[in-house]
Structures are given as C-alpha cells and as structure tokens.
Amino acid sequence: MNLRTLRSAPRPGRTGAPKDAFDRRLLAPMMLGAILNPVNSAILAVSLVPIGAAFGAAPAATAWLVSALYLAPRSASPSSAGSSTCTGRAG
C-alpha cells in the first residue's frame, strides 16, 4: 500500500465509509467512563466507614459492598447483551 491509496481510503464519518467503521461519537462516552470509574471507587472507599457506622458494623464487614458494586454489572452484562441481540438494535 502506498501513500496515495492510504489517502484515498474511506474514513469513518465520511461518505463511503465501511459499515463496521469506528463511530467517533463513542469516543466521549468511553473517555468519560474511564475517567469516572476511579472517582466511583474513591467515593465508595471513603463512604465505607460512615455506612458501617450507620449499620453498627466494622469497616471490614462492609467491604462486601465493593464486591457487590463490581459484580452486579458484570453479571448483568451477558444477559443485557443477549437481550439486545435478540431484540436488535435501532439505527
């Protein structure tokens, strides 16, 4: 492949782009999710002590909340992916 064929290759967002090309509209949500995930973890880590105090439990006893926070979406992902495949996607 030379430089001329690279310049003439269809690019996402332009007419003639392949259907499986990366959609640039997904870039902002992916970056936002990558930025907010550590913030979510920090908020949960700071709030474990007050949650434990409210329920009269030690911080070690409330550590299961972290596991539940991360395991619940991971276990729901396959079922939501399967249901979206069955129903199809709009667009």
Foldseek 3Di string as FASTA:
>chain_A
DDPVVVVPDDAPPDPPDDPPHDHPVVVVVVVVVVVCPVVVVVVCVVCLCVVCVVVVHDSVVSVVVVVCVPVVVVVCVVVVVVVCVVVDDDD
